[in-house]
Amino acid sequence: EATASVDTATESAIHDALHAVMKGRTTFIVAQRLSSIQRADRII
C-alpha cells in the first residue's frame, strides 16, 4: 500500500517513476486501489 496516503496526481507521478525503478526487479505490489497495480505483469 505504498501510495495509499498520496493524492491521485502524486500517485500517478510515483507510478511513472516506479516503472523505471521496477525494471529488472522482482516486485510485489500489495494494494487495494486498482490504480496502484496498473503496471503489474500478473495479479493474484
All heavy atoms as atom14 arrays in JSON, in Angstrom:
{
  "sequence": "EATASVDTATESAIHDALHAVMKGRTTFIVAQRLSSIQRADRII",
  "atom14_mask": [
    [1, 1, 1, 1, 1, 1, 1, 1, 1, 0, 0, 0, 0, 0],
    [1, 1, 1, 1, 1, 0, 0, 0, 0, 0, 0, 0, 0, 0],
    [1, 1, 1, 1, 1, 1, 1, 0, 0, 0, 0, 0, 0, 0],
    [1, 1, 1, 1, 1, 0, 0, 0, 0, 0, 0, 0, 0, 0],
    [1, 1, 1, 1, 1, 1, 0, 0, 0, 0, 0, 0, 0, 0],
    [1, 1, 1, 1, 1, 1, 1, 0, 0, 0, 0, 0, 0, 0],
    [1, 1, 1, 1, 1, 1, 1, 1, 0, 0, 0, 0, 0, 0],
    [1, 1, 1, 1, 1, 1, 1, 0, 0, 0, 0, 0, 0, 0],
    [1, 1, 1, 1, 1, 0, 0, 0, 0, 0, 0, 0, 0, 0],
    [1, 1, 1, 1, 1, 1, 1, 0, 0, 0, 0, 0, 0, 0],
    [1, 1, 1, 1, 1, 1, 1, 1, 1, 0, 0, 0, 0, 0],
    [1, 1, 1, 1, 1, 1, 0, 0, 0, 0, 0, 0, 0, 0],
    [1, 1, 1, 1, 1, 0, 0, 0, 0, 0, 0, 0, 0, 0],
    [1, 1, 1, 1, 1, 1, 1, 1, 0, 0, 0, 0, 0, 0],
    [1, 1, 1, 1, 1, 1, 1, 1, 1, 1, 0, 0, 0, 0],
    [1, 1, 1, 1, 1, 1, 1, 1, 0, 0, 0, 0, 0, 0],
    [1, 1, 1, 1, 1, 0, 0, 0, 0, 0, 0, 0, 0, 0],
    [1, 1, 1, 1, 1, 1, 1, 1, 0, 0, 0, 0, 0, 0],
    [1, 1, 1, 1, 1, 1, 1, 1, 1, 1, 0, 0, 0, 0],
    [1, 1, 1, 1, 1, 0, 0, 0, 0, 0, 0, 0, 0, 0],
    [1, 1, 1, 1, 1, 1, 1, 0, 0, 0, 0, 0, 0, 0],
    [1, 1, 1, 1, 1, 1, 1, 1, 0, 0, 0, 0, 0, 0],
    [1, 1, 1, 1, 1, 1, 1, 1, 1, 0, 0, 0, 0, 0],
    [1, 1, 1, 1, 0, 0, 0, 0, 0, 0, 0, 0, 0, 0],
    [1, 1, 1, 1, 1, 1, 1, 1, 1, 1, 1, 0, 0, 0],
    [1, 1, 1, 1, 1, 1, 1, 0, 0, 0, 0, 0, 0, 0],
    [1, 1, 1, 1, 1, 1, 1, 0, 0, 0, 0, 0, 0, 0],
    [1, 1, 1, 1, 1, 1, 1, 1, 1, 1, 1, 0, 0, 0],
    [1, 1, 1, 1, 1, 1, 1, 1, 0, 0, 0, 0, 0, 0],
    [1, 1, 1, 1, 1, 1, 1, 0, 0, 0, 0, 0, 0, 0],
    [1, 1, 1, 1, 1, 0, 0, 0, 0, 0, 0, 0, 0, 0],
    [1, 1, 1, 1, 1, 1, 1, 1, 1, 0, 0, 0, 0, 0],
    [1, 1, 1, 1, 1, 1, 1, 1, 1, 1, 1, 0, 0, 0],
    [1, 1, 1, 1, 1, 1, 1, 1, 0, 0, 0, 0, 0, 0],
    [1, 1, 1, 1, 1, 1, 0, 0, 0, 0, 0, 0, 0, 0],
    [1, 1, 1, 1, 1, 1, 0, 0, 0, 0, 0, 0, 0, 0],
    [1, 1, 1, 1, 1, 1, 1, 1, 0, 0, 0, 0, 0, 0],
    [1, 1, 1, 1, 1, 1, 1, 1, 1, 0, 0, 0, 0, 0],
    [1, 1, 1, 1, 1, 1, 1, 1, 1, 1, 1, 0, 0, 0],
    [1, 1, 1, 1, 1, 0, 0, 0, 0, 0, 0, 0, 0, 0],
    [1, 1, 1, 1, 1, 1, 1, 1, 0, 0, 0, 0, 0, 0],
    [1, 1, 1, 1, 1, 1, 1, 1, 1, 1, 1, 0, 0, 0],
    [1, 1, 1, 1, 1, 1, 1, 1, 0, 0, 0, 0, 0, 0],
    [1, 1, 1, 1, 1, 1, 1, 1, 0, 0, 0, 0, 0, 0]
  ],
  "atom14_positions": [
    [[0.85, -1.2, 0.0], [0.0, 0.0, 0.0], [0.88, 1.25, 0.0], [0.64, 2.21, 0.73], [-0.92, 0.0, 1.23], [-1.86, -1.18, 1.32], [-3.06, -1.06, 0.39], [-3.13, -0.06, -0.35], [-3.91, -1.95, 0.4], [0.0, 0.0, 0.0], [0.0, 0.0, 0.0], [0.0, 0.0, 0.0], [0.0, 0.0, 0.0], [0.0, 0.0, 0.0]],
    [[1.93, 1.24, -0.84], [2.95, 2.29, -0.79], [2.46, 3.65, -1.22], [3.09, 4.66, -0.93], [4.14, 1.88, -1.66], [0.0, 0.0, 0.0], [0.0, 0.0, 0.0], [0.0, 0.0, 0.0], [0.0, 0.0, 0.0], [0.0, 0.0, 0.0], [0.0, 0.0, 0.0], [0.0, 0.0, 0.0], [0.0, 0.0, 0.0], [0.0, 0.0, 0.0]],
    [[1.34, 3.71, -1.95], [0.82, 5.02, -2.38], [-0.57, 5.27, -1.83], [-1.32, 6.08, -2.36], [0.78, 5.09, -3.92], [0.01, 3.99, -4.43], [2.18, 5.01, -4.5], [0.0, 0.0, 0.0], [0.0, 0.0, 0.0], [0.0, 0.0, 0.0], [0.0, 0.0, 0.0], [0.0, 0.0, 0.0], [0.0, 0.0, 0.0], [0.0, 0.0, 0.0]],
    [[-0.9, 4.59, -0.74], [-2.25, 4.71, -0.2], [-2.52, 6.09, 0.4], [-3.67, 6.53, 0.46], [-2.47, 3.64, 0.87], [0.0, 0.0, 0.0], [0.0, 0.0, 0.0], [0.0, 0.0, 0.0], [0.0, 0.0, 0.0], [0.0, 0.0, 0.0], [0.0, 0.0, 0.0], [0.0, 0.0, 0.0], [0.0, 0.0, 0.0], [0.0, 0.0, 0.0]],
    [[-1.45, 6.79, 0.83], [-1.64, 8.07, 1.52], [-1.36, 9.28, 0.65], [-1.25, 10.39, 1.16], [-0.74, 8.12, 2.77], [-1.07, 7.1, 3.67], [0.0, 0.0, 0.0], [0.0, 0.0, 0.0], [0.0, 0.0, 0.0], [0.0, 0.0, 0.0], [0.0, 0.0, 0.0], [0.0, 0.0, 0.0], [0.0, 0.0, 0.0], [0.0, 0.0, 0.0]],
    [[-1.21, 9.08, -0.66], [-0.93, 10.22, -1.54], [-2.13, 10.5, -2.44], [-2.98, 9.64, -2.65], [0.33, 9.97, -2.4], [1.54, 9.74, -1.5], [0.14, 8.77, -3.33], [0.0, 0.0, 0.0], [0.0, 0.0, 0.0], [0.0, 0.0, 0.0], [0.0, 0.0, 0.0], [0.0, 0.0, 0.0], [0.0, 0.0, 0.0], [0.0, 0.0, 0.0]],
    [[-2.18, 11.7, -2.96], [-3.28, 12.07, -3.83], [-3.11, 11.41, -5.2], [-2.05, 10.87, -5.54], [-3.37, 13.59, -3.98], [-2.07, 14.18, -4.49], [-1.8, 14.05, -5.7], [-1.3, 14.74, -3.67], [0.0, 0.0, 0.0], [0.0, 0.0, 0.0], [0.0, 0.0, 0.0], [0.0, 0.0, 0.0], [0.0, 0.0, 0.0], [0.0, 0.0, 0.0]],
    [[-4.15, 11.48, -6.01], [-4.17, 10.79, -7.3], [-3.08, 11.28, -8.22], [-2.41, 10.49, -8.91], [-5.55, 10.98, -7.96], [-6.56, 10.54, -7.07], [-5.63, 10.17, -9.24], [0.0, 0.0, 0.0], [0.0, 0.0, 0.0], [0.0, 0.0, 0.0], [0.0, 0.0, 0.0], [0.0, 0.0, 0.0], [0.0, 0.0, 0.0], [0.0, 0.0, 0.0]],
    [[-2.86, 12.61, -8.27], [-1.84, 13.16, -9.16], [-0.45, 12.68, -8.76], [0.37, 12.28, -9.61], [-1.91, 14.68, -9.15], [0.0, 0.0, 0.0], [0.0, 0.0, 0.0], [0.0, 0.0, 0.0], [0.0, 0.0, 0.0], [0.0, 0.0, 0.0], [0.0, 0.0, 0.0], [0.0, 0.0, 0.0], [0.0, 0.0, 0.0], [0.0, 0.0, 0.0]],
    [[-0.15, 12.73, -7.46], [1.15, 12.28, -6.98], [1.32, 10.79, -7.21], [2.4, 10.32, -7.58], [1.32, 12.62, -5.48], [1.15, 14.02, -5.29], [2.7, 12.21, -4.99], [0.0, 0.0, 0.0], [0.0, 0.0, 0.0], [0.0, 0.0, 0.0], [0.0, 0.0, 0.0], [0.0, 0.0, 0.0], [0.0, 0.0, 0.0], [0.0, 0.0, 0.0]],
    [[0.23, 10.04, -6.99], [0.28, 8.59, -7.2], [0.66, 8.29, -8.66], [1.5, 7.42, -8.93], [-1.06, 7.95, -6.86], [-1.07, 6.43, -7.04], [-2.44, 5.83, -6.81], [-3.44, 6.51, -7.08], [-2.49, 4.66, -6.38], [0.0, 0.0, 0.0], [0.0, 0.0, 0.0], [0.0, 0.0, 0.0], [0.0, 0.0, 0.0], [0.0, 0.0, 0.0]],
    [[0.06, 9.01, -9.58], [0.35, 8.79, -11.0], [1.81, 9.09, -11.31], [2.48, 8.34, -12.03], [-0.56, 9.68, -11.85], [-0.27, 9.52, -13.23], [0.0, 0.0, 0.0], [0.0, 0.0, 0.0], [0.0, 0.0, 0.0], [0.0, 0.0, 0.0], [0.0, 0.0, 0.0], [0.0, 0.0, 0.0], [0.0, 0.0, 0.0], [0.0, 0.0, 0.0]],
    [[2.35, 10.17, -10.71], [3.75, 10.54, -10.94], [4.69, 9.5, -10.34], [5.71, 9.15, -10.93], [4.03, 11.92, -10.33], [0.0, 0.0, 0.0], [0.0, 0.0, 0.0], [0.0, 0.0, 0.0], [0.0, 0.0, 0.0], [0.0, 0.0, 0.0], [0.0, 0.0, 0.0], [0.0, 0.0, 0.0], [0.0, 0.0, 0.0], [0.0, 0.0, 0.0]],
    [[4.34, 8.99, -9.14], [5.16, 7.96, -8.49], [5.17, 6.69, -9.33], [6.21, 6.06, -9.52], [4.65, 7.68, -7.06], [4.94, 8.88, -6.15], [5.32, 6.43, -6.49], [4.38, 8.74, -4.75], [0.0, 0.0, 0.0], [0.0, 0.0, 0.0], [0.0, 0.0, 0.0], [0.0, 0.0, 0.0], [0.0, 0.0, 0.0], [0.0, 0.0, 0.0]],
    [[4.0, 6.32, -9.87], [3.93, 5.11, -10.68], [4.78, 5.24, -11.94], [5.43, 4.27, -12.37], [2.47, 4.82, -11.04], [1.69, 4.28, -9.9], [0.31, 4.34, -9.83], [2.08, 3.69, -8.76], [-0.11, 3.8, -8.7], [0.95, 3.41, -8.02], [0.0, 0.0, 0.0], [0.0, 0.0, 0.0], [0.0, 0.0, 0.0], [0.0, 0.0, 0.0]],
    [[4.78, 6.43, -12.53], [5.62, 6.64, -13.72], [7.09, 6.45, -13.37], [7.85, 5.83, -14.13], [5.38, 8.04, -14.29], [4.0, 8.18, -14.93], [3.41, 7.13, -15.28], [3.52, 9.32, -15.07], [0.0, 0.0, 0.0], [0.0, 0.0, 0.0], [0.0, 0.0, 0.0], [0.0, 0.0, 0.0], [0.0, 0.0, 0.0], [0.0, 0.0, 0.0]],
    [[7.5, 6.99, -12.19], [8.9, 6.85, -11.76], [9.2, 5.4, -11.38], [10.28, 4.87, -11.69], [9.18, 7.77, -10.57], [0.0, 0.0, 0.0], [0.0, 0.0, 0.0], [0.0, 0.0, 0.0], [0.0, 0.0, 0.0], [0.0, 0.0, 0.0], [0.0, 0.0, 0.0], [0.0, 0.0, 0.0], [0.0, 0.0, 0.0], [0.0, 0.0, 0.0]],
    [[8.25, 4.75, -10.72], [8.46, 3.36, -10.3], [8.58, 2.43, -11.49], [9.22, 1.38, -11.4], [7.31, 2.9, -9.39], [7.37, 3.35, -7.94], [6.12, 2.9, -7.19], [8.61, 2.79, -7.26], [0.0, 0.0, 0.0], [0.0, 0.0, 0.0], [0.0, 0.0, 0.0], [0.0, 0.0, 0.0], [0.0, 0.0, 0.0], [0.0, 0.0, 0.0]],
    [[7.94, 2.79, -12.58], [8.0, 1.92, -13.76], [9.46, 1.71, -14.18], [9.86, 0.6, -14.54], [7.21, 2.55, -14.92], [7.19, 1.69, -16.15], [6.64, 0.43, -16.17], [7.67, 1.92, -17.41], [6.78, -0.09, -17.38], [7.4, 0.79, -18.15], [0.0, 0.0, 0.0], [0.0, 0.0, 0.0], [0.0, 0.0, 0.0], [0.0, 0.0, 0.0]],
    [[10.25, 2.79, -14.09], [11.67, 2.67, -14.41], [12.42, 1.94, -13.3], [13.3, 1.12, -13.56], [12.27, 4.05, -14.64], [0.0, 0.0, 0.0], [0.0, 0.0, 0.0], [0.0, 0.0, 0.0], [0.0, 0.0, 0.0], [0.0, 0.0, 0.0], [0.0, 0.0, 0.0], [0.0, 0.0, 0.0], [0.0, 0.0, 0.0], [0.0, 0.0, 0.0]],
    [[12.05, 2.22, -12.06], [12.72, 1.59, -10.91], [12.47, 0.09, -10.88], [13.34, -0.71, -10.53], [12.24, 2.24, -9.59], [12.8, 1.48, -8.39], [12.67, 3.7, -9.54], [0.0, 0.0, 0.0], [0.0, 0.0, 0.0], [0.0, 0.0, 0.0], [0.0, 0.0, 0.0], [0.0, 0.0, 0.0], [0.0, 0.0, 0.0], [0.0, 0.0, 0.0]],
    [[11.26, -0.32, -11.25], [10.86, -1.73, -11.17], [11.5, -2.59, -12.25], [11.51, -3.82, -12.14], [9.33, -1.84, -11.26], [8.62, -1.33, -10.02], [6.85, -1.0, -10.27], [6.27, -2.57, -10.93], [0.0, 0.0, 0.0], [0.0, 0.0, 0.0], [0.0, 0.0, 0.0], [0.0, 0.0, 0.0], [0.0, 0.0, 0.0], [0.0, 0.0, 0.0]],
    [[12.04, -1.99, -13.27], [12.63, -2.77, -14.36], [13.8, -3.6, -13.85], [14.72, -3.09, -13.21], [13.13, -1.84, -15.47], [12.0, -1.29, -16.34], [12.55, -0.44, -17.47], [11.43, 0.07, -18.37], [11.91, 0.93, -19.47], [0.0, 0.0, 0.0], [0.0, 0.0, 0.0], [0.0, 0.0, 0.0], [0.0, 0.0, 0.0], [0.0, 0.0, 0.0]],
    [[13.76, -4.9, -14.11], [14.82, -5.8, -13.68], [14.71, -6.24, -12.25], [15.54, -6.99, -11.75], [0.0, 0.0, 0.0], [0.0, 0.0, 0.0], [0.0, 0.0, 0.0], [0.0, 0.0, 0.0], [0.0, 0.0, 0.0], [0.0, 0.0, 0.0], [0.0, 0.0, 0.0], [0.0, 0.0, 0.0], [0.0, 0.0, 0.0], [0.0, 0.0, 0.0]],
    [[13.68, -5.77, -11.52], [13.48, -6.17, -10.12], [12.2, -6.99, -9.99], [11.2, -6.68, -10.63], [13.35, -4.95, -9.2], [14.46, -3.95, -9.29], [14.17, -2.8, -8.34], [14.93, -1.62, -8.71], [16.19, -1.4, -8.37], [16.82, -2.3, -7.63], [16.83, -0.31, -8.77], [0.0, 0.0, 0.0], [0.0, 0.0, 0.0], [0.0, 0.0, 0.0]],
    [[12.25, -7.98, -9.14], [11.03, -8.69, -8.8], [10.26, -7.81, -7.83], [10.78, -7.42, -6.79], [11.37, -10.04, -8.13], [12.19, -10.79, -9.02], [10.1, -10.81, -7.81], [0.0, 0.0, 0.0], [0.0, 0.0, 0.0], [0.0, 0.0, 0.0], [0.0, 0.0, 0.0], [0.0, 0.0, 0.0], [0.0, 0.0, 0.0], [0.0, 0.0, 0.0]],
    [[9.03, -7.49, -8.18], [8.26, -6.53, -7.39], [6.93, -7.13, -6.96], [6.21, -7.71, -7.78], [7.99, -5.24, -8.19], [9.24, -4.73, -8.68], [7.32, -4.19, -7.32], [0.0, 0.0, 0.0], [0.0, 0.0, 0.0], [0.0, 0.0, 0.0], [0.0, 0.0, 0.0], [0.0, 0.0, 0.0], [0.0, 0.0, 0.0], [0.0, 0.0, 0.0]],
    [[6.65, -7.0, -5.66], [5.35, -7.39, -5.12], [4.61, -6.11, -4.76], [5.12, -5.28, -4.0], [5.51, -8.27, -3.89], [6.04, -9.65, -4.17], [7.4, -9.86, -4.33], [5.17, -10.72, -4.29], [7.9, -11.13, -4.6], [5.66, -12.0, -4.56], [7.02, -12.2, -4.73], [0.0, 0.0, 0.0], [0.0, 0.0, 0.0], [0.0, 0.0, 0.0]],
    [[3.41, -5.95, -5.31], [2.62, -4.76, -5.05], [1.35, -5.18, -4.31], [0.45, -5.79, -4.89], [2.23, -4.04, -6.35], [3.47, -3.77, -7.21], [1.49, -2.74, -6.06], [3.16, -3.29, -8.6], [0.0, 0.0, 0.0], [0.0, 0.0, 0.0], [0.0, 0.0, 0.0], [0.0, 0.0, 0.0], [0.0, 0.0, 0.0], [0.0, 0.0, 0.0]],
    [[1.31, -4.87, -3.03], [0.11, -5.15, -2.23], [-0.73, -3.9, -2.23], [-0.27, -2.82, -1.84], [0.48, -5.55, -0.79], [-0.77, -5.84, 0.03], [1.4, -6.77, -0.8], [0.0, 0.0, 0.0], [0.0, 0.0, 0.0], [0.0, 0.0, 0.0], [0.0, 0.0, 0.0], [0.0, 0.0, 0.0], [0.0, 0.0, 0.0], [0.0, 0.0, 0.0]],
    [[-1.97, -4.0, -2.7], [-2.78, -2.79, -2.84], [-4.26, -3.13, -2.79], [-4.68, -4.27, -2.98], [-2.44, -2.09, -4.15], [0.0, 0.0, 0.0], [0.0, 0.0, 0.0], [0.0, 0.0, 0.0], [0.0, 0.0, 0.0], [0.0, 0.0, 0.0], [0.0, 0.0, 0.0], [0.0, 0.0, 0.0], [0.0, 0.0, 0.0], [0.0, 0.0, 0.0]],
    [[-5.04, -2.09, -2.54], [-6.49, -2.18, -2.64], [-6.99, -1.29, -3.77], [-8.02, -1.57, -4.38], [-7.15, -1.73, -1.32], [-7.05, -2.75, -0.19], [-7.93, -3.97, -0.41], [-8.67, -4.05, -1.38], [-7.81, -4.95, 0.49], [0.0, 0.0, 0.0], [0.0, 0.0, 0.0], [0.0, 0.0, 0.0], [0.0, 0.0, 0.0], [0.0, 0.0, 0.0]],
    [[-6.21, -0.22, -4.08], [-6.58, 0.67, -5.18], [-6.07, 0.09, -6.49], [-4.87, -0.17, -6.64], [-6.0, 2.06, -4.94], [-6.8, 2.83, -3.91], [-6.05, 3.96, -3.25], [-5.38, 4.89, -4.16], [-4.86, 6.06, -3.74], [-4.99, 6.41, -2.47], [-4.25, 6.86, -4.59], [0.0, 0.0, 0.0], [0.0, 0.0, 0.0], [0.0, 0.0, 0.0]],
    [[-6.95, -0.16, -7.41], [-6.56, -0.77, -8.68], [-5.62, 0.12, -9.48], [-4.86, -0.36, -10.31], [-7.81, -1.09, -9.51], [-8.74, -2.13, -8.89], [-9.93, -2.39, -9.8], [-8.0, -3.43, -8.62], [0.0, 0.0, 0.0], [0.0, 0.0, 0.0], [0.0, 0.0, 0.0], [0.0, 0.0, 0.0], [0.0, 0.0, 0.0], [0.0, 0.0, 0.0]],
    [[-5.65, 1.41, -9.2], [-4.73, 2.33, -9.9], [-3.28, 2.02, -9.54], [-2.37, 2.39, -10.28], [-5.06, 3.78, -9.54], [-5.02, 3.96, -8.13], [0.0, 0.0, 0.0], [0.0, 0.0, 0.0], [0.0, 0.0, 0.0], [0.0, 0.0, 0.0], [0.0, 0.0, 0.0], [0.0, 0.0, 0.0], [0.0, 0.0, 0.0], [0.0, 0.0, 0.0]],
    [[-3.08, 1.35, -8.38], [-1.72, 1.05, -7.93], [-1.12, -0.16, -8.64], [0.08, -0.41, -8.53], [-1.71, 0.8, -6.41], [-2.19, 1.92, -5.71], [0.0, 0.0, 0.0], [0.0, 0.0, 0.0], [0.0, 0.0, 0.0], [0.0, 0.0, 0.0], [0.0, 0.0, 0.0], [0.0, 0.0, 0.0], [0.0, 0.0, 0.0], [0.0, 0.0, 0.0]],
    [[-1.95, -0.94, -9.34], [-1.45, -2.2, -9.91], [-1.51, -2.21, -11.43], [-1.43, -3.27, -12.05], [-2.24, -3.4, -9.35], [-3.71, -3.3, -9.76], [-2.11, -3.45, -7.84], [-4.5, -4.55, -9.4], [0.0, 0.0, 0.0], [0.0, 0.0, 0.0], [0.0, 0.0, 0.0], [0.0, 0.0, 0.0], [0.0, 0.0, 0.0], [0.0, 0.0, 0.0]],
    [[-1.64, -1.05, -12.02], [-1.79, -0.98, -13.48], [-0.58, -1.54, -14.21], [-0.7, -2.07, -15.31], [-2.03, 0.46, -13.91], [-3.38, 1.02, -13.49], [-3.56, 2.48, -13.87], [-2.63, 3.1, -14.36], [-4.74, 3.01, -13.65], [0.0, 0.0, 0.0], [0.0, 0.0, 0.0], [0.0, 0.0, 0.0], [0.0, 0.0, 0.0], [0.0, 0.0, 0.0]],
    [[0.61, -1.4, -13.6], [1.83, -1.83, -14.28], [2.26, -3.24, -13.84], [3.38, -3.66, -14.15], [2.95, -0.84, -14.02], [2.63, 0.57, -14.52], [3.8, 1.5, -14.37], [3.46, 2.87, -14.74], [3.42, 3.34, -15.98], [3.7, 2.52, -16.99], [3.12, 4.59, -16.23], [0.0, 0.0, 0.0], [0.0, 0.0, 0.0], [0.0, 0.0, 0.0]],
    [[1.41, -3.96, -13.14], [1.73, -5.32, -12.73], [1.65, -6.28, -13.91], [0.75, -6.18, -14.74], [0.78, -5.77, -11.62], [0.0, 0.0, 0.0], [0.0, 0.0, 0.0], [0.0, 0.0, 0.0], [0.0, 0.0, 0.0], [0.0, 0.0, 0.0], [0.0, 0.0, 0.0], [0.0, 0.0, 0.0], [0.0, 0.0, 0.0], [0.0, 0.0, 0.0]],
    [[2.61, -7.2, -13.98], [2.58, -8.22, -15.03], [1.52, -9.27, -14.76], [0.96, -9.87, -15.68], [3.94, -8.9, -15.15], [5.05, -7.9, -15.5], [4.82, -7.09, -16.41], [6.11, -7.93, -14.85], [0.0, 0.0, 0.0], [0.0, 0.0, 0.0], [0.0, 0.0, 0.0], [0.0, 0.0, 0.0], [0.0, 0.0, 0.0], [0.0, 0.0, 0.0]],
    [[1.29, -9.5, -13.46], [0.33, -10.52, -13.07], [-0.35, -10.11, -11.78], [0.26, -9.42, -10.94], [1.05, -11.86, -12.88], [0.15, -13.02, -12.49], [0.82, -14.39, -12.73], [2.21, -14.44, -12.38], [2.74, -15.34, -11.52], [1.94, -16.23, -10.92], [4.03, -15.37, -11.28], [0.0, 0.0, 0.0], [0.0, 0.0, 0.0], [0.0, 0.0, 0.0]],
    [[-1.58, -10.52, -11.61], [-2.35, -10.2, -10.4], [-2.77, -11.51, -9.76], [-3.26, -12.42, -10.44], [-3.6, -9.37, -10.73], [-3.21, -8.06, -11.43], [-4.42, -9.09, -9.49], [-4.39, -7.33, -12.05], [0.0, 0.0, 0.0], [0.0, 0.0, 0.0], [0.0, 0.0, 0.0], [0.0, 0.0, 0.0], [0.0, 0.0, 0.0], [0.0, 0.0, 0.0]],
    [[-2.54, -11.62, -8.45], [-3.07, -12.77, -7.72], [-4.05, -12.26, -6.68], [-3.85, -11.2, -6.07], [-1.96, -13.61, -7.06], [-1.27, -12.84, -5.94], [-0.95, -14.1, -8.09], [-0.37, -13.71, -5.1], [0.0, 0.0, 0.0], [0.0, 0.0, 0.0], [0.0, 0.0, 0.0], [0.0, 0.0, 0.0], [0.0, 0.0, 0.0], [0.0, 0.0, 0.0]]
  ]
}
